[in-house]
């Protein structure tokens, strides 16, 4: 299997919300980190499945905010705005 790693930006407007991303089928979300001033999700995928797409949902939760977690998988924590804003990213499963 040959894989590639790509990235896509998550808008800061998504704080305390969920963002839907169209990714290659069965892609693996590696991490979410800050690049410049924007959170970015890096993911790897099988190049043979690149044309097959699926929607994935990422929840963005700020520190101190209440949330209903349900079936979520933790991805990463990112400090933005010089560390004054701390965001926690989860993938919503199922």
C-alpha atoms as a PDB file:
ATOM      1  CA  UNK A   1       0.000   0.000   0.000  1.00  0.00           C
ATOM      2  CA  UNK A   2       1.301   3.442  -0.934  1.00  0.00           C
ATOM      3  CA  UNK A   3       0.229   6.327   1.279  1.00  0.00           C
ATOM      4  CA  UNK A   4       0.326  10.112   1.163  1.00  0.00           C
ATOM      5  CA  UNK A   5       0.017  12.692   3.908  1.00  0.00           C
ATOM      6  CA  UNK A   6      -2.124  15.748   3.234  1.00  0.00           C
ATOM      7  CA  UNK A   7      -3.506  18.546   5.374  1.00  0.00           C
ATOM      8  CA  UNK A   8      -6.593  20.726   5.572  1.00  0.00           C
ATOM      9  CA  UNK A   9      -7.332  23.846   7.583  1.00  0.00           C
ATOM     10  CA  UNK A  10      -9.937  24.050  10.361  1.00  0.00           C
ATOM     11  CA  UNK A  11     -11.477  27.536  10.685  1.00  0.00           C
ATOM     12  CA  UNK A  12     -11.084  29.247  14.068  1.00  0.00           C
ATOM     13  CA  UNK A  13     -14.769  30.130  13.821  1.00  0.00           C
ATOM     14  CA  UNK A  14     -15.424  26.470  14.686  1.00  0.00           C
ATOM     15  CA  UNK A  15     -14.733  26.955  18.421  1.00  0.00           C
ATOM     16  CA  UNK A  16     -17.327  25.083  20.496  1.00  0.00           C
ATOM     17  CA  UNK A  17     -18.736  23.537  17.320  1.00  0.00           C
ATOM     18  CA  UNK A  18     -18.279  20.631  14.944  1.00  0.00           C
ATOM     19  CA  UNK A  19     -16.620  20.784  11.531  1.00  0.00           C
ATOM     20  CA  UNK A  20     -17.268  18.308   8.723  1.00  0.00           C
ATOM     21  CA  UNK A  21     -14.324  17.431   6.513  1.00  0.00           C
ATOM     22  CA  UNK A  22     -14.421  15.445   3.282  1.00  0.00           C
ATOM     23  CA  UNK A  23     -11.398  13.133   3.386  1.00  0.00           C
ATOM     24  CA  UNK A  24     -10.272  10.079   1.423  1.00  0.00           C
ATOM     25  CA  UNK A  25     -12.042   6.923   2.613  1.00  0.00           C
ATOM     26  CA  UNK A  26     -10.372   5.210   5.584  1.00  0.00           C
ATOM     27  CA  UNK A  27      -7.869   8.028   6.010  1.00  0.00           C
ATOM     28  CA  UNK A  28      -6.057   8.172   9.344  1.00  0.00           C
ATOM     29  CA  UNK A  29      -6.109  11.468  11.211  1.00  0.00           C
ATOM     30  CA  UNK A  30      -2.556  11.920  12.484  1.00  0.00           C
ATOM     31  CA  UNK A  31      -2.672  15.176  14.445  1.00  0.00           C
ATOM     32  CA  UNK A  32      -4.014  18.691  14.573  1.00  0.00           C
ATOM     33  CA  UNK A  33      -1.489  21.470  15.146  1.00  0.00           C
ATOM     34  CA  UNK A  34      -1.196  25.179  14.514  1.00  0.00           C
ATOM     35  CA  UNK A  35       0.366  26.210  11.205  1.00  0.00           C
ATOM     36  CA  UNK A  36       0.677  29.959  10.993  1.00  0.00           C
ATOM     37  CA  UNK A  37      -2.457  31.175  12.752  1.00  0.00           C
ATOM     38  CA  UNK A  38      -4.790  28.338  11.737  1.00  0.00           C
ATOM     39  CA  UNK A  39      -5.381  24.859  13.170  1.00  0.00           C
ATOM     40  CA  UNK A  40      -4.559  22.246  10.535  1.00  0.00           C
ATOM     41  CA  UNK A  41      -5.438  18.541  10.471  1.00  0.00           C
ATOM     42  CA  UNK A  42      -2.856  16.206   8.930  1.00  0.00           C
ATOM     43  CA  UNK A  43      -4.072  12.854   7.657  1.00  0.00           C
ATOM     44  CA  UNK A  44      -2.639   9.905   5.749  1.00  0.00           C
ATOM     45  CA  UNK A  45      -4.478   7.830   3.165  1.00  0.00           C
ATOM     46  CA  UNK A  46      -4.045   5.003   0.692  1.00  0.00           C
ATOM     47  CA  UNK A  47      -3.426   6.590  -2.722  1.00  0.00           C
ATOM     48  CA  UNK A  48      -5.519   3.857  -4.368  1.00  0.00           C
ATOM     49  CA  UNK A  49      -8.540   5.039  -2.338  1.00  0.00           C
ATOM     50  CA  UNK A  50      -7.957   8.756  -2.911  1.00  0.00           C
ATOM     51  CA  UNK A  51     -10.994   9.068  -5.201  1.00  0.00           C
ATOM     52  CA  UNK A  52     -13.324   7.420  -2.661  1.00  0.00           C
ATOM     53  CA  UNK A  53     -14.384  10.093  -0.169  1.00  0.00           C
ATOM     54  CA  UNK A  54     -16.158  10.137   3.187  1.00  0.00           C
ATOM     55  CA  UNK A  55     -17.278  12.822   5.595  1.00  0.00           C
ATOM     56  CA  UNK A  56     -15.528  13.006   8.977  1.00  0.00           C
ATOM     57  CA  UNK A  57     -16.608  15.216  11.864  1.00  0.00           C
ATOM     58  CA  UNK A  58     -14.183  17.075  14.133  1.00  0.00           C
ATOM     59  CA  UNK A  59     -15.408  18.651  17.381  1.00  0.00           C
ATOM     60  CA  UNK A  60     -13.588  21.760  18.616  1.00  0.00           C
ATOM     61  CA  UNK A  61     -13.885  22.460  22.348  1.00  0.00           C
ATOM     62  CA  UNK A  62     -12.344  25.385  24.196  1.00  0.00           C
ATOM     63  CA  UNK A  63     -10.936  24.911  27.696  1.00  0.00           C
ATOM     64  CA  UNK A  64     -13.595  25.512  30.339  1.00  0.00           C
ATOM     65  CA  UNK A  65     -16.550  24.943  28.003  1.00  0.00           C
ATOM     66  CA  UNK A  66     -19.102  22.222  28.690  1.00  0.00           C
ATOM     67  CA  UNK A  67     -19.728  19.595  26.029  1.00  0.00           C
ATOM     68  CA  UNK A  68     -21.522  16.307  25.434  1.00  0.00           C
ATOM     69  CA  UNK A  69     -18.756  13.941  24.372  1.00  0.00           C
ATOM     70  CA  UNK A  70     -20.674  10.838  23.315  1.00  0.00           C
ATOM     71  CA  UNK A  71     -18.525   8.563  21.156  1.00  0.00           C
ATOM     72  CA  UNK A  72     -15.530  10.844  20.582  1.00  0.00           C
ATOM     73  CA  UNK A  73     -11.827  10.089  20.055  1.00  0.00           C
ATOM     74  CA  UNK A  74      -9.300  12.635  21.325  1.00  0.00           C
ATOM     75  CA  UNK A  75      -6.905  13.929  18.638  1.00  0.00           C
ATOM     76  CA  UNK A  76      -4.935  16.881  19.972  1.00  0.00           C
ATOM     77  CA  UNK A  77      -4.782  20.080  22.024  1.00  0.00           C
ATOM     78  CA  UNK A  78      -3.626  23.296  20.346  1.00  0.00           C
ATOM     79  CA  UNK A  79      -2.716  26.691  21.794  1.00  0.00           C
ATOM     80  CA  UNK A  80      -3.756  29.627  19.597  1.00  0.00           C
ATOM     81  CA  UNK A  81      -3.639  33.407  19.926  1.00  0.00           C
ATOM     82  CA  UNK A  82      -0.259  33.308  21.722  1.00  0.00           C
ATOM     83  CA  UNK A  83      -1.562  30.668  24.138  1.00  0.00           C
ATOM     84  CA  UNK A  84      -4.542  32.694  25.356  1.00  0.00           C
ATOM     85  CA  UNK A  85      -6.958  30.275  23.708  1.00  0.00           C
ATOM     86  CA  UNK A  86      -6.587  26.516  24.178  1.00  0.00           C
ATOM     87  CA  UNK A  87      -8.586  24.260  21.857  1.00  0.00           C
ATOM     88  CA  UNK A  88      -9.144  20.514  22.188  1.00  0.00           C
ATOM     89  CA  UNK A  89      -9.957  18.479  19.064  1.00  0.00           C
ATOM     90  CA  UNK A  90     -11.925  15.225  18.942  1.00  0.00           C
ATOM     91  CA  UNK A  91     -13.162  13.051  16.115  1.00  0.00           C
ATOM     92  CA  UNK A  92     -16.875  12.293  16.413  1.00  0.00           C
ATOM     93  CA  UNK A  93     -17.267   8.569  15.722  1.00  0.00           C
ATOM     94  CA  UNK A  94     -20.312   6.750  14.411  1.00  0.00           C
END
